[in-house]
Structure formats: C-alpha cells, structure tokens
Amino acid sequence: MNVIRNIIDIRKEKGISQEFIADALHVDTSVVSNIERGKRELKVSELEIIAKALKVDVLYLLTYPHIYVKKEKDYTEPIEAILQLKLTGDKREKVLKLIFGDNDLEFLDE
C-alpha cells in the first residue's frame, strides 16, 4: 500500500492540482511536490486535510483503488433480551406496545 501513490492517482483522476492541495494544507506548492516525490514525509495531520480536499475518506486514501465497505454483522440468530418493568393498568399495555410494537410477546410471569 502506497498512500502517496494513492493520493497522486486520486488527485489526477479528479483533476485536482497540487496548488489546490497546497492551499488546503496552507503550504507552498513545492511542499506538495516534495511529498509526492518522496522527498518529504507526509504527516498524519496532513492526511485528513488532503482527504477533505480530495473529497474522500482517509480510509479511501489508504485502500484505493479498492473501496472499503464496513460489513455489518450477520444477526440471523435470535437475540434474547430480559427487560423488567413494574407497570400497572393501561400504562403497561401502552409501554409494551411502544417498545415492542404489534409483535407477539411472551410473558414469563403469566
């Protein structure tokens, strides 16, 4: 993984100039040129600024050209939850309906 190469590729792909990146970093264009040529190290603090200037995520700069997609966990198994409330009268029915909607409920105390 070469972050600098990714920055160059994304910058060129989007038609963004070194001057634009330099303005975002508040540095001279020669600093951006030196970073891209490996003559100056890229600071971590500069990475976020460059990502914003390129309108991409920092993670995208690291994973380019692949797109990182956060995978959600597969919750196919039912989850057991225990909730204890002391309610009386019609408040009980209202609260249960508010929390669980019209889903079928199993009451252990009845």
PDB file of N, CA and C in Angstrom:
ATOM      1  N   MET A   1       0.858  -1.177   0.000  1.00  0.00           N
ATOM      2  CA  MET A   1       0.000   0.000   0.000  1.00  0.00           C
ATOM      3  C   MET A   1       0.904   1.240   0.000  1.00  0.00           C
ATOM      4  N   ASN A   2       0.676   2.114  -0.939  1.00  0.00           N
ATOM      5  CA  ASN A   2       1.446   3.334  -1.030  1.00  0.00           C
ATOM      6  C   ASN A   2       0.471   4.507  -1.011  1.00  0.00           C
ATOM      7  N   VAL A   3       0.354   5.128   0.142  1.00  0.00           N
ATOM      8  CA  VAL A   3      -0.615   6.210   0.326  1.00  0.00           C
ATOM      9  C   VAL A   3      -0.312   7.380  -0.593  1.00  0.00           C
ATOM     10  N   ILE A   4       0.952   7.700  -0.743  1.00  0.00           N
ATOM     11  CA  ILE A   4       1.333   8.827  -1.610  1.00  0.00           C
ATOM     12  C   ILE A   4       0.908   8.545  -3.045  1.00  0.00           C
ATOM     13  N   ARG A   5       1.157   7.323  -3.514  1.00  0.00           N
ATOM     14  CA  ARG A   5       0.740   6.953  -4.872  1.00  0.00           C
ATOM     15  C   ARG A   5      -0.776   7.066  -5.003  1.00  0.00           C
ATOM     16  N   ASN A   6      -1.490   6.648  -3.961  1.00  0.00           N
ATOM     17  CA  ASN A   6      -2.955   6.742  -3.979  1.00  0.00           C
ATOM     18  C   ASN A   6      -3.406   8.196  -4.060  1.00  0.00           C
ATOM     19  N   ILE A   7      -2.767   9.061  -3.292  1.00  0.00           N
ATOM     20  CA  ILE A   7      -3.116  10.489  -3.311  1.00  0.00           C
ATOM     21  C   ILE A   7      -2.888  11.068  -4.702  1.00  0.00           C
ATOM     22  N   ILE A   8      -1.755  10.749  -5.288  1.00  0.00           N
ATOM     23  CA  ILE A   8      -1.444  11.248  -6.640  1.00  0.00           C
ATOM     24  C   ILE A   8      -2.496  10.759  -7.636  1.00  0.00           C
ATOM     25  N   ASP A   9      -2.784   9.468  -7.594  1.00  0.00           N
ATOM     26  CA  ASP A   9      -3.751   8.892  -8.540  1.00  0.00           C
ATOM     27  C   ASP A   9      -5.134   9.512  -8.378  1.00  0.00           C
ATOM     28  N   ILE A  10      -5.587   9.645  -7.141  1.00  0.00           N
ATOM     29  CA  ILE A  10      -6.912  10.226  -6.891  1.00  0.00           C
ATOM     30  C   ILE A  10      -6.927  11.692  -7.303  1.00  0.00           C
ATOM     31  N   ARG A  11      -5.869  12.419  -6.965  1.00  0.00           N
ATOM     32  CA  ARG A  11      -5.789  13.838  -7.322  1.00  0.00           C
ATOM     33  C   ARG A  11      -5.869  14.022  -8.830  1.00  0.00           C
ATOM     34  N   LYS A  12      -5.109  13.212  -9.560  1.00  0.00           N
ATOM     35  CA  LYS A  12      -5.116  13.321 -11.015  1.00  0.00           C
ATOM     36  C   LYS A  12      -6.444  12.864 -11.605  1.00  0.00           C
ATOM     37  N   GLU A  13      -6.998  11.796 -11.044  1.00  0.00           N
ATOM     38  CA  GLU A  13      -8.294  11.278 -11.517  1.00  0.00           C
ATOM     39  C   GLU A  13      -9.391  12.325 -11.374  1.00  0.00           C
ATOM     40  N   LYS A  14      -9.306  13.108 -10.312  1.00  0.00           N
ATOM     41  CA  LYS A  14     -10.325  14.139 -10.061  1.00  0.00           C
ATOM     42  C   LYS A  14      -9.966  15.485 -10.686  1.00  0.00           C
ATOM     43  N   GLY A  15      -8.792  15.546 -11.318  1.00  0.00           N
ATOM     44  CA  GLY A  15      -8.380  16.796 -11.960  1.00  0.00           C
ATOM     45  C   GLY A  15      -8.049  17.898 -10.968  1.00  0.00           C
ATOM     46  N   ILE A  16      -7.544  17.518  -9.819  1.00  0.00           N
ATOM     47  CA  ILE A  16      -7.203  18.486  -8.780  1.00  0.00           C
ATOM     48  C   ILE A  16      -5.705  18.762  -8.842  1.00  0.00           C
ATOM     49  N   SER A  17      -5.361  20.026  -8.758  1.00  0.00           N
ATOM     50  CA  SER A  17      -3.960  20.428  -8.900  1.00  0.00           C
ATOM     51  C   SER A  17      -3.212  20.342  -7.573  1.00  0.00           C
ATOM     52  N   GLN A  18      -1.888  20.317  -7.687  1.00  0.00           N
ATOM     53  CA  GLN A  18      -1.054  20.368  -6.487  1.00  0.00           C
ATOM     54  C   GLN A  18      -1.265  21.690  -5.749  1.00  0.00           C
ATOM     55  N   GLU A  19      -1.530  22.743  -6.506  1.00  0.00           N
ATOM     56  CA  GLU A  19      -1.778  24.062  -5.903  1.00  0.00           C
ATOM     57  C   GLU A  19      -3.002  24.024  -4.990  1.00  0.00           C
ATOM     58  N   PHE A  20      -4.044  23.314  -5.418  1.00  0.00           N
ATOM     59  CA  PHE A  20      -5.262  23.206  -4.615  1.00  0.00           C
ATOM     60  C   PHE A  20      -4.964  22.492  -3.293  1.00  0.00           C
ATOM     61  N   ILE A  21      -4.205  21.404  -3.373  1.00  0.00           N
ATOM     62  CA  ILE A  21      -3.823  20.656  -2.169  1.00  0.00           C
ATOM     63  C   ILE A  21      -2.949  21.530  -1.279  1.00  0.00           C
ATOM     64  N   ALA A  22      -2.017  22.248  -1.882  1.00  0.00           N
ATOM     65  CA  ALA A  22      -1.133  23.139  -1.126  1.00  0.00           C
ATOM     66  C   ALA A  22      -1.940  24.210  -0.392  1.00  0.00           C
ATOM     67  N   ASP A  23      -2.927  24.782  -1.057  1.00  0.00           N
ATOM     68  CA  ASP A  23      -3.785  25.784  -0.414  1.00  0.00           C
ATOM     69  C   ASP A  23      -4.518  25.189   0.779  1.00  0.00           C
ATOM     70  N   ALA A  24      -5.012  23.969   0.635  1.00  0.00           N
ATOM     71  CA  ALA A  24      -5.725  23.306   1.725  1.00  0.00           C
ATOM     72  C   ALA A  24      -4.795  23.063   2.913  1.00  0.00           C
ATOM     73  N   LEU A  25      -3.536  22.741   2.619  1.00  0.00           N
ATOM     74  CA  LEU A  25      -2.550  22.477   3.668  1.00  0.00           C
ATOM     75  C   LEU A  25      -1.898  23.757   4.203  1.00  0.00           C
ATOM     76  N   HIS A  26      -2.151  24.884   3.528  1.00  0.00           N
ATOM     77  CA  HIS A  26      -1.525  26.171   3.875  1.00  0.00           C
ATOM     78  C   HIS A  26      -0.001  26.080   3.763  1.00  0.00           C
ATOM     79  N   VAL A  27       0.436  25.477   2.670  1.00  0.00           N
ATOM     80  CA  VAL A  27       1.872  25.359   2.387  1.00  0.00           C
ATOM     81  C   VAL A  27       2.118  25.775   0.938  1.00  0.00           C
ATOM     82  N   ASP A  28       3.382  25.874   0.596  1.00  0.00           N
ATOM     83  CA  ASP A  28       3.764  26.185  -0.776  1.00  0.00           C
ATOM     84  C   ASP A  28       3.573  24.945  -1.643  1.00  0.00           C
ATOM     85  N   THR A  29       3.348  25.158  -2.930  1.00  0.00           N
ATOM     86  CA  THR A  29       3.169  24.044  -3.867  1.00  0.00           C
ATOM     87  C   THR A  29       4.378  23.117  -3.878  1.00  0.00           C
ATOM     88  N   SER A  30       5.549  23.653  -3.621  1.00  0.00           N
ATOM     89  CA  SER A  30       6.761  22.830  -3.615  1.00  0.00           C
ATOM     90  C   SER A  30       6.714  21.776  -2.508  1.00  0.00           C
ATOM     91  N   VAL A  31       6.014  22.049  -1.420  1.00  0.00           N
ATOM     92  CA  VAL A  31       5.879  21.073  -0.329  1.00  0.00           C
ATOM     93  C   VAL A  31       5.071  19.877  -0.818  1.00  0.00           C
ATOM     94  N   VAL A  32       3.982  20.130  -1.509  1.00  0.00           N
ATOM     95  CA  VAL A  32       3.162  19.046  -2.056  1.00  0.00           C
ATOM     96  C   VAL A  32       3.965  18.261  -3.080  1.00  0.00           C
ATOM     97  N   SER A  33       4.696  18.954  -3.906  1.00  0.00           N
ATOM     98  CA  SER A  33       5.541  18.294  -4.903  1.00  0.00           C
ATOM     99  C   SER A  33       6.575  17.398  -4.219  1.00  0.00           C
ATOM    100  N   ASN A  34       7.189  17.898  -3.167  1.00  0.00           N
ATOM    101  CA  ASN A  34       8.186  17.105  -2.429  1.00  0.00           C
ATOM    102  C   ASN A  34       7.551  15.888  -1.754  1.00  0.00           C
ATOM    103  N   ILE A  35       6.343  16.042  -1.235  1.00  0.00           N
ATOM    104  CA  ILE A  35       5.632  14.905  -0.637  1.00  0.00           C
ATOM    105  C   ILE A  35       5.376  13.851  -1.706  1.00  0.00           C
ATOM    106  N   GLU A  36       4.877  14.283  -2.844  1.00  0.00           N
ATOM    107  CA  GLU A  36       4.538  13.348  -3.922  1.00  0.00           C
ATOM    108  C   GLU A  36       5.779  12.671  -4.501  1.00  0.00           C
ATOM    109  N   ARG A  37       6.931  13.329  -4.461  1.00  0.00           N
ATOM    110  CA  ARG A  37       8.164  12.736  -4.989  1.00  0.00           C
ATOM    111  C   ARG A  37       8.940  11.972  -3.918  1.00  0.00           C
ATOM    112  N   GLY A  38       8.398  11.920  -2.699  1.00  0.00           N
ATOM    113  CA  GLY A  38       9.049  11.178  -1.631  1.00  0.00           C
ATOM    114  C   GLY A  38      10.220  11.898  -0.996  1.00  0.00           C
ATOM    115  N   LYS A  39      10.349  13.199  -1.232  1.00  0.00           N
ATOM    116  CA  LYS A  39      11.445  13.983  -0.655  1.00  0.00           C
ATOM    117  C   LYS A  39      11.067  14.573   0.703  1.00  0.00           C
ATOM    118  N   ARG A  40       9.805  14.491   1.040  1.00  0.00           N
ATOM    119  CA  ARG A  40       9.310  14.954   2.337  1.00  0.00           C
ATOM    120  C   ARG A  40       8.249  13.978   2.801  1.00  0.00           C
ATOM    121  N   GLU A  41       8.301  13.634   4.072  1.00  0.00           N
ATOM    122  CA  GLU A  41       7.315  12.703   4.603  1.00  0.00           C
ATOM    123  C   GLU A  41       5.972  13.395   4.816  1.00  0.00           C
ATOM    124  N   LEU A  42       4.935  12.643   4.616  1.00  0.00           N
ATOM    125  CA  LEU A  42       3.575  13.125   4.833  1.00  0.00           C
ATOM    126  C   LEU A  42       3.243  12.965   6.305  1.00  0.00           C
ATOM    127  N   LYS A  43       2.785  14.043   6.911  1.00  0.00           N
ATOM    128  CA  LYS A  43       2.393  13.990   8.325  1.00  0.00           C
ATOM    129  C   LYS A  43       0.982  13.429   8.425  1.00  0.00           C
ATOM    130  N   VAL A  44       0.722  12.738   9.504  1.00  0.00           N
ATOM    131  CA  VAL A  44      -0.612  12.165   9.712  1.00  0.00           C
ATOM    132  C   VAL A  44      -1.661  13.277   9.736  1.00  0.00           C
ATOM    133  N   SER A  45      -1.342  14.400  10.339  1.00  0.00           N
ATOM    134  CA  SER A  45      -2.287  15.521  10.405  1.00  0.00           C
ATOM    135  C   SER A  45      -2.619  16.056   9.009  1.00  0.00           C
ATOM    136  N   GLU A  46      -1.691  15.922   8.078  1.00  0.00           N
ATOM    137  CA  GLU A  46      -1.918  16.389   6.713  1.00  0.00           C
ATOM    138  C   GLU A  46      -2.808  15.431   5.920  1.00  0.00           C
ATOM    139  N   LEU A  47      -2.802  14.180   6.326  1.00  0.00           N
ATOM    140  CA  LEU A  47      -3.580  13.164   5.612  1.00  0.00           C
ATOM    141  C   LEU A  47      -5.073  13.500   5.610  1.00  0.00           C
ATOM    142  N   GLU A  48      -5.593  13.906   6.755  1.00  0.00           N
ATOM    143  CA  GLU A  48      -7.015  14.249   6.848  1.00  0.00           C
ATOM    144  C   GLU A  48      -7.347  15.480   6.007  1.00  0.00           C
ATOM    145  N   ILE A  49      -6.462  16.454   6.013  1.00  0.00           N
ATOM    146  CA  ILE A  49      -6.680  17.671   5.222  1.00  0.00           C
ATOM    147  C   ILE A  49      -6.694  17.342   3.728  1.00  0.00           C
ATOM    148  N   ILE A  50      -5.769  16.496   3.315  1.00  0.00           N
ATOM    149  CA  ILE A  50      -5.718  16.093   1.908  1.00  0.00           C
ATOM    150  C   ILE A  50      -6.971  15.313   1.536  1.00  0.00           C
ATOM    151  N   ALA A  51      -7.408  14.425   2.417  1.00  0.00           N
ATOM    152  CA  ALA A  51      -8.629  13.655   2.150  1.00  0.00           C
ATOM    153  C   ALA A  51      -9.819  14.587   1.958  1.00  0.00           C
ATOM    154  N   LYS A  52      -9.938  15.594   2.804  1.00  0.00           N
ATOM    155  CA  LYS A  52     -11.044  16.559   2.666  1.00  0.00           C
ATOM    156  C   LYS A  52     -10.932  17.334   1.357  1.00  0.00           C
ATOM    157  N   ALA A  53      -9.712  17.721   1.002  1.00  0.00           N
ATOM    158  CA  ALA A  53      -9.502  18.464  -0.246  1.00  0.00           C
ATOM    159  C   ALA A  53      -9.876  17.611  -1.454  1.00  0.00           C
ATOM    160  N   LEU A  54      -9.614  16.307  -1.365  1.00  0.00           N
ATOM    161  CA  LEU A  54      -9.944  15.385  -2.458  1.00  0.00           C
ATOM    162  C   LEU A  54     -11.383  14.883  -2.371  1.00  0.00           C
ATOM    163  N   LYS A  55     -12.083  15.284  -1.300  1.00  0.00           N
ATOM    164  CA  LYS A  55     -13.478  14.874  -1.055  1.00  0.00           C
ATOM    165  C   LYS A  55     -13.615  13.352  -0.984  1.00  0.00           C
ATOM    166  N   VAL A  56     -12.690  12.759  -0.215  1.00  0.00           N
ATOM    167  CA  VAL A  56     -12.739  11.328   0.038  1.00  0.00           C
ATOM    168  C   VAL A  56     -12.474  11.095   1.522  1.00  0.00           C
ATOM    169  N   ASP A  57     -12.718   9.888   1.949  1.00  0.00           N
ATOM    170  CA  ASP A  57     -12.435   9.458   3.310  1.00  0.00           C
ATOM    171  C   ASP A  57     -10.953   9.156   3.446  1.00  0.00           C
ATOM    172  N   VAL A  58     -10.391   9.331   4.630  1.00  0.00           N
ATOM    173  CA  VAL A  58      -8.996   8.956   4.862  1.00  0.00           C
ATOM    174  C   VAL A  58      -8.814   7.469   4.572  1.00  0.00           C
ATOM    175  N   LEU A  59      -9.791   6.677   4.963  1.00  0.00           N
ATOM    176  CA  LEU A  59      -9.726   5.239   4.717  1.00  0.00           C
ATOM    177  C   LEU A  59      -9.633   4.935   3.223  1.00  0.00           C
ATOM    178  N   TYR A  60     -10.305   5.729   2.412  1.00  0.00           N
ATOM    179  CA  TYR A  60     -10.241   5.548   0.964  1.00  0.00           C
ATOM    180  C   TYR A  60      -8.823   5.820   0.446  1.00  0.00           C
ATOM    181  N   LEU A  61      -8.153   6.812   1.029  1.00  0.00           N
ATOM    182  CA  LEU A  61      -6.772   7.083   0.629  1.00  0.00           C
ATOM    183  C   LEU A  61      -5.871   5.889   0.920  1.00  0.00           C
ATOM    184  N   LEU A  62      -6.186   5.177   1.989  1.00  0.00           N
ATOM    185  CA  LEU A  62      -5.371   4.033   2.377  1.00  0.00           C
ATOM    186  C   LEU A  62      -5.677   2.785   1.559  1.00  0.00           C
ATOM    187  N   THR A  63      -6.919   2.635   1.127  1.00  0.00           N
ATOM    188  CA  THR A  63      -7.337   1.397   0.459  1.00  0.00           C
ATOM    189  C   THR A  63      -7.479   1.523  -1.053  1.00  0.00           C
ATOM    190  N   TYR A  64      -7.342   2.732  -1.593  1.00  0.00           N
ATOM    191  CA  TYR A  64      -7.504   2.963  -3.032  1.00  0.00           C
ATOM    192  C   TYR A  64      -6.655   1.975  -3.825  1.00  0.00           C
ATOM    193  N   PRO A  65      -7.114   1.426  -4.922  1.00  0.00           N
ATOM    194  CA  PRO A  65      -8.359   1.704  -5.639  1.00  0.00           C
ATOM    195  C   PRO A  65      -9.545   0.884  -5.140  1.00  0.00           C
ATOM    196  N   HIS A  66      -9.328   0.096  -4.123  1.00  0.00           N
ATOM    197  CA  HIS A  66     -10.428  -0.694  -3.571  1.00  0.00           C
ATOM    198  C   HIS A  66     -11.273   0.192  -2.670  1.00  0.00           C
ATOM    199  N   ILE A  67     -12.536  -0.098  -2.624  1.00  0.00           N
ATOM    200  CA  ILE A  67     -13.441   0.663  -1.772  1.00  0.00           C
ATOM    201  C   ILE A  67     -13.696  -0.149  -0.517  1.00  0.00           C
ATOM    202  N   TYR A  68     -13.389   0.456   0.620  1.00  0.00           N
ATOM    203  CA  TYR A  68     -13.618  -0.213   1.894  1.00  0.00           C
ATOM    204  C   TYR A  68     -15.091  -0.080   2.241  1.00  0.00           C
ATOM    205  N   VAL A  69     -15.704  -1.214   2.503  1.00  0.00           N
ATOM    206  CA  VAL A  69     -17.111  -1.218   2.896  1.00  0.00           C
ATOM    207  C   VAL A  69     -17.211  -1.928   4.230  1.00  0.00           C
ATOM    208  N   LYS A  70     -17.696  -1.201   5.216  1.00  0.00           N
ATOM    209  CA  LYS A  70     -17.846  -1.800   6.532  1.00  0.00           C
ATOM    210  C   LYS A  70     -18.985  -2.809   6.475  1.00  0.00           C
ATOM    211  N   LYS A  71     -18.668  -4.031   6.821  1.00  0.00           N
ATOM    212  CA  LYS A  71     -19.676  -5.080   6.792  1.00  0.00           C
ATOM    213  C   LYS A  71     -20.390  -5.134   8.128  1.00  0.00           C
ATOM    214  N   GLU A  72     -21.685  -5.193   8.048  1.00  0.00           N
ATOM    215  CA  GLU A  72     -22.485  -5.335   9.255  1.00  0.00           C
ATOM    216  C   GLU A  72     -22.464  -6.793   9.682  1.00  0.00           C
ATOM    217  N   LYS A  73     -22.507  -6.996  10.976  1.00  0.00           N
ATOM    218  CA  LYS A  73     -22.550  -8.366  11.471  1.00  0.00           C
ATOM    219  C   LYS A  73     -23.868  -9.013  11.065  1.00  0.00           C
ATOM    220  N   ASP A  74     -23.803 -10.292  10.818  1.00  0.00           N
ATOM    221  CA  ASP A  74     -24.989 -11.041  10.424  1.00  0.00           C
ATOM    222  C   ASP A  74     -25.713 -11.502  11.681  1.00  0.00           C
ATOM    223  N   TYR A  75     -26.843 -10.893  11.940  1.00  0.00           N
ATOM    224  CA  TYR A  75     -27.630 -11.236  13.123  1.00  0.00           C
ATOM    225  C   TYR A  75     -28.794 -12.132  12.727  1.00  0.00           C
ATOM    226  N   THR A  76     -28.500 -13.309  12.215  1.00  0.00           N
ATOM    227  CA  THR A  76     -29.564 -14.221  11.811  1.00  0.00           C
ATOM    228  C   THR A  76     -30.116 -14.995  13.001  1.00  0.00           C
ATOM    229  N   GLU A  77     -29.322 -15.137  14.056  1.00  0.00           N
ATOM    230  CA  GLU A  77     -29.792 -15.852  15.236  1.00  0.00           C
ATOM    231  C   GLU A  77     -30.593 -14.888  16.105  1.00  0.00           C
ATOM    232  N   PRO A  78     -31.660 -15.382  16.730  1.00  0.00           N
ATOM    233  CA  PRO A  78     -32.448 -14.509  17.599  1.00  0.00           C
ATOM    234  C   PRO A  78     -31.637 -14.072  18.821  1.00  0.00           C
ATOM    235  N   ILE A  79     -31.916 -12.886  19.281  1.00  0.00           N
ATOM    236  CA  ILE A  79     -31.239 -12.349  20.456  1.00  0.00           C
ATOM    237  C   ILE A  79     -32.206 -12.406  21.632  1.00  0.00           C
ATOM    238  N   GLU A  80     -31.735 -12.920  22.744  1.00  0.00           N
ATOM    239  CA  GLU A  80     -32.565 -12.996  23.937  1.00  0.00           C
ATOM    240  C   GLU A  80     -32.293 -11.767  24.789  1.00  0.00           C
ATOM    241  N   ALA A  81     -33.363 -11.073  25.163  1.00  0.00           N
ATOM    242  CA  ALA A  81     -33.225  -9.883  25.990  1.00  0.00           C
ATOM    243  C   ALA A  81     -34.186  -9.991  27.169  1.00  0.00           C
ATOM    244  N   ILE A  82     -33.722  -9.575  28.324  1.00  0.00           N
ATOM    245  CA  ILE A  82     -34.558  -9.603  29.518  1.00  0.00           C
ATOM    246  C   ILE A  82     -34.776  -8.167  29.956  1.00  0.00           C
ATOM    247  N   LEU A  83     -36.021  -7.793  30.103  1.00  0.00           N
ATOM    248  CA  LEU A  83     -36.410  -6.443  30.486  1.00  0.00           C
ATOM    249  C   LEU A  83     -37.395  -6.555  31.632  1.00  0.00           C
ATOM    250  N   GLN A  84     -37.116  -5.843  32.724  1.00  0.00           N
ATOM    251  CA  GLN A  84     -38.011  -5.912  33.866  1.00  0.00           C
ATOM    252  C   GLN A  84     -38.574  -4.523  34.133  1.00  0.00           C
ATOM    253  N   LEU A  85     -39.890  -4.420  34.051  1.00  0.00           N
ATOM    254  CA  LEU A  85     -40.603  -3.173  34.316  1.00  0.00           C
ATOM    255  C   LEU A  85     -41.753  -3.461  35.273  1.00  0.00           C
ATOM    256  N   LYS A  86     -42.046  -2.512  36.143  1.00  0.00           N
ATOM    257  CA  LYS A  86     -43.215  -2.634  37.008  1.00  0.00           C
ATOM    258  C   LYS A  86     -44.196  -1.554  36.582  1.00  0.00           C
ATOM    259  N   LEU A  87     -45.226  -1.967  35.898  1.00  0.00           N
ATOM    260  CA  LEU A  87     -46.232  -1.051  35.385  1.00  0.00           C
ATOM    261  C   LEU A  87     -47.599  -1.551  35.803  1.00  0.00           C
ATOM    262  N   THR A  88     -48.533  -0.649  35.931  1.00  0.00           N
ATOM    263  CA  THR A  88     -49.893  -1.048  36.291  1.00  0.00           C
ATOM    264  C   THR A  88     -50.877  -0.530  35.254  1.00  0.00           C
ATOM    265  N   GLY A  89     -51.994  -1.213  35.193  1.00  0.00           N
ATOM    266  CA  GLY A  89     -53.116  -0.788  34.368  1.00  0.00           C
ATOM    267  C   GLY A  89     -52.783  -0.590  32.905  1.00  0.00           C
ATOM    268  N   ASP A  90     -53.412   0.422  32.326  1.00  0.00           N
ATOM    269  CA  ASP A  90     -53.278   0.657  30.898  1.00  0.00           C
ATOM    270  C   ASP A  90     -51.884   1.166  30.518  1.00  0.00           C
ATOM    271  N   LYS A  91     -51.121   1.661  31.512  1.00  0.00           N
ATOM    272  CA  LYS A  91     -49.750   2.088  31.228  1.00  0.00           C
ATOM    273  C   LYS A  91     -48.916   0.903  30.765  1.00  0.00           C
ATOM    274  N   ARG A  92     -49.178  -0.250  31.336  1.00  0.00           N
ATOM    275  CA  ARG A  92     -48.446  -1.454  30.968  1.00  0.00           C
ATOM    276  C   ARG A  92     -48.623  -1.743  29.477  1.00  0.00           C
ATOM    277  N   GLU A  93     -49.863  -1.746  29.020  1.00  0.00           N
ATOM    278  CA  GLU A  93     -50.144  -2.042  27.617  1.00  0.00           C
ATOM    279  C   GLU A  93     -49.553  -0.978  26.689  1.00  0.00           C
ATOM    280  N   LYS A  94     -49.637   0.288  27.077  1.00  0.00           N
ATOM    281  CA  LYS A  94     -49.107   1.369  26.250  1.00  0.00           C
ATOM    282  C   LYS A  94     -47.583   1.279  26.122  1.00  0.00           C
ATOM    283  N   VAL A  95     -46.919   1.030  27.242  1.00  0.00           N
ATOM    284  CA  VAL A  95     -45.463   0.954  27.216  1.00  0.00           C
ATOM    285  C   VAL A  95     -45.007  -0.258  26.407  1.00  0.00           C
ATOM    286  N   LEU A  96     -45.642  -1.390  26.601  1.00  0.00           N
ATOM    287  CA  LEU A  96     -45.272  -2.592  25.860  1.00  0.00           C
ATOM    288  C   LEU A  96     -45.477  -2.408  24.366  1.00  0.00           C
ATOM    289  N   LYS A  97     -46.572  -1.756  24.010  1.00  0.00           N
ATOM    290  CA  LYS A  97     -46.832  -1.517  22.587  1.00  0.00           C
ATOM    291  C   LYS A  97     -45.826  -0.521  22.012  1.00  0.00           C
ATOM    292  N   LEU A  98     -45.450   0.479  22.816  1.00  0.00           N
ATOM    293  CA  LEU A  98     -44.457   1.463  22.389  1.00  0.00           C
ATOM    294  C   LEU A  98     -43.103   0.792  22.153  1.00  0.00           C
ATOM    295  N   ILE A  99     -42.699  -0.090  23.051  1.00  0.00           N
ATOM    296  CA  ILE A  99     -41.394  -0.740  22.946  1.00  0.00           C
ATOM    297  C   ILE A  99     -41.379  -1.815  21.867  1.00  0.00           C
ATOM    298  N   PHE A 100     -42.398  -2.660  21.864  1.00  0.00           N
ATOM    299  CA  PHE A 100     -42.374  -3.837  21.006  1.00  0.00           C
ATOM    300  C   PHE A 100     -43.286  -3.749  19.797  1.00  0.00           C
ATOM    301  N   GLY A 101     -44.029  -2.694  19.675  1.00  0.00           N
ATOM    302  CA  GLY A 101     -44.948  -2.568  18.550  1.00  0.00           C
ATOM    303  C   GLY A 101     -46.040  -3.612  18.643  1.00  0.00           C
ATOM    304  N   ASP A 102     -46.476  -4.123  17.512  1.00  0.00           N
ATOM    305  CA  ASP A 102     -47.540  -5.117  17.488  1.00  0.00           C
ATOM    306  C   ASP A 102     -46.984  -6.541  17.429  1.00  0.00           C
ATOM    307  N   ASN A 103     -45.714  -6.710  17.761  1.00  0.00           N
ATOM    308  CA  ASN A 103     -45.094  -8.036  17.718  1.00  0.00           C
ATOM    309  C   ASN A 103     -45.678  -8.929  18.807  1.00  0.00           C
ATOM    310  N   ASP A 104     -45.652 -10.233  18.550  1.00  0.00           N
ATOM    311  CA  ASP A 104     -46.097 -11.192  19.558  1.00  0.00           C
ATOM    312  C   ASP A 104     -45.094 -11.208  20.699  1.00  0.00           C
ATOM    313  N   LEU A 105     -45.621 -11.145  21.930  1.00  0.00           N
ATOM    314  CA  LEU A 105     -44.779 -11.151  23.104  1.00  0.00           C
ATOM    315  C   LEU A 105     -45.053 -12.386  23.933  1.00  0.00           C
ATOM    316  N   GLU A 106     -44.014 -12.857  24.619  1.00  0.00           N
ATOM    317  CA  GLU A 106     -44.156 -13.997  25.514  1.00  0.00           C
ATOM    318  C   GLU A 106     -43.883 -13.474  26.921  1.00  0.00           C
ATOM    319  N   PHE A 107     -44.864 -13.580  27.805  1.00  0.00           N
ATOM    320  CA  PHE A 107     -44.722 -13.124  29.168  1.00  0.00           C
ATOM    321  C   PHE A 107     -44.438 -14.305  30.056  1.00  0.00           C
ATOM    322  N   LEU A 108     -43.339 -14.229  30.811  1.00  0.00           N
ATOM    323  CA  LEU A 108     -42.927 -15.331  31.655  1.00  0.00           C
ATOM    324  C   LEU A 108     -43.690 -15.385  32.968  1.00  0.00           C
ATOM    325  N   ASP A 109     -44.234 -14.242  33.419  1.00  0.00           N
ATOM    326  CA  ASP A 109     -44.929 -14.219  34.705  1.00  0.00           C
ATOM    327  C   ASP A 109     -46.415 -14.552  34.595  1.00  0.00           C
ATOM    328  N   GLU A 110     -46.893 -14.785  33.423  1.00  0.00           N
ATOM    329  CA  GLU A 110     -48.328 -15.057  33.279  1.00  0.00           C
ATOM    330  C   GLU A 110     -48.586 -16.511  33.004  1.00  0.00           C
TER     331      GLU A 110
END
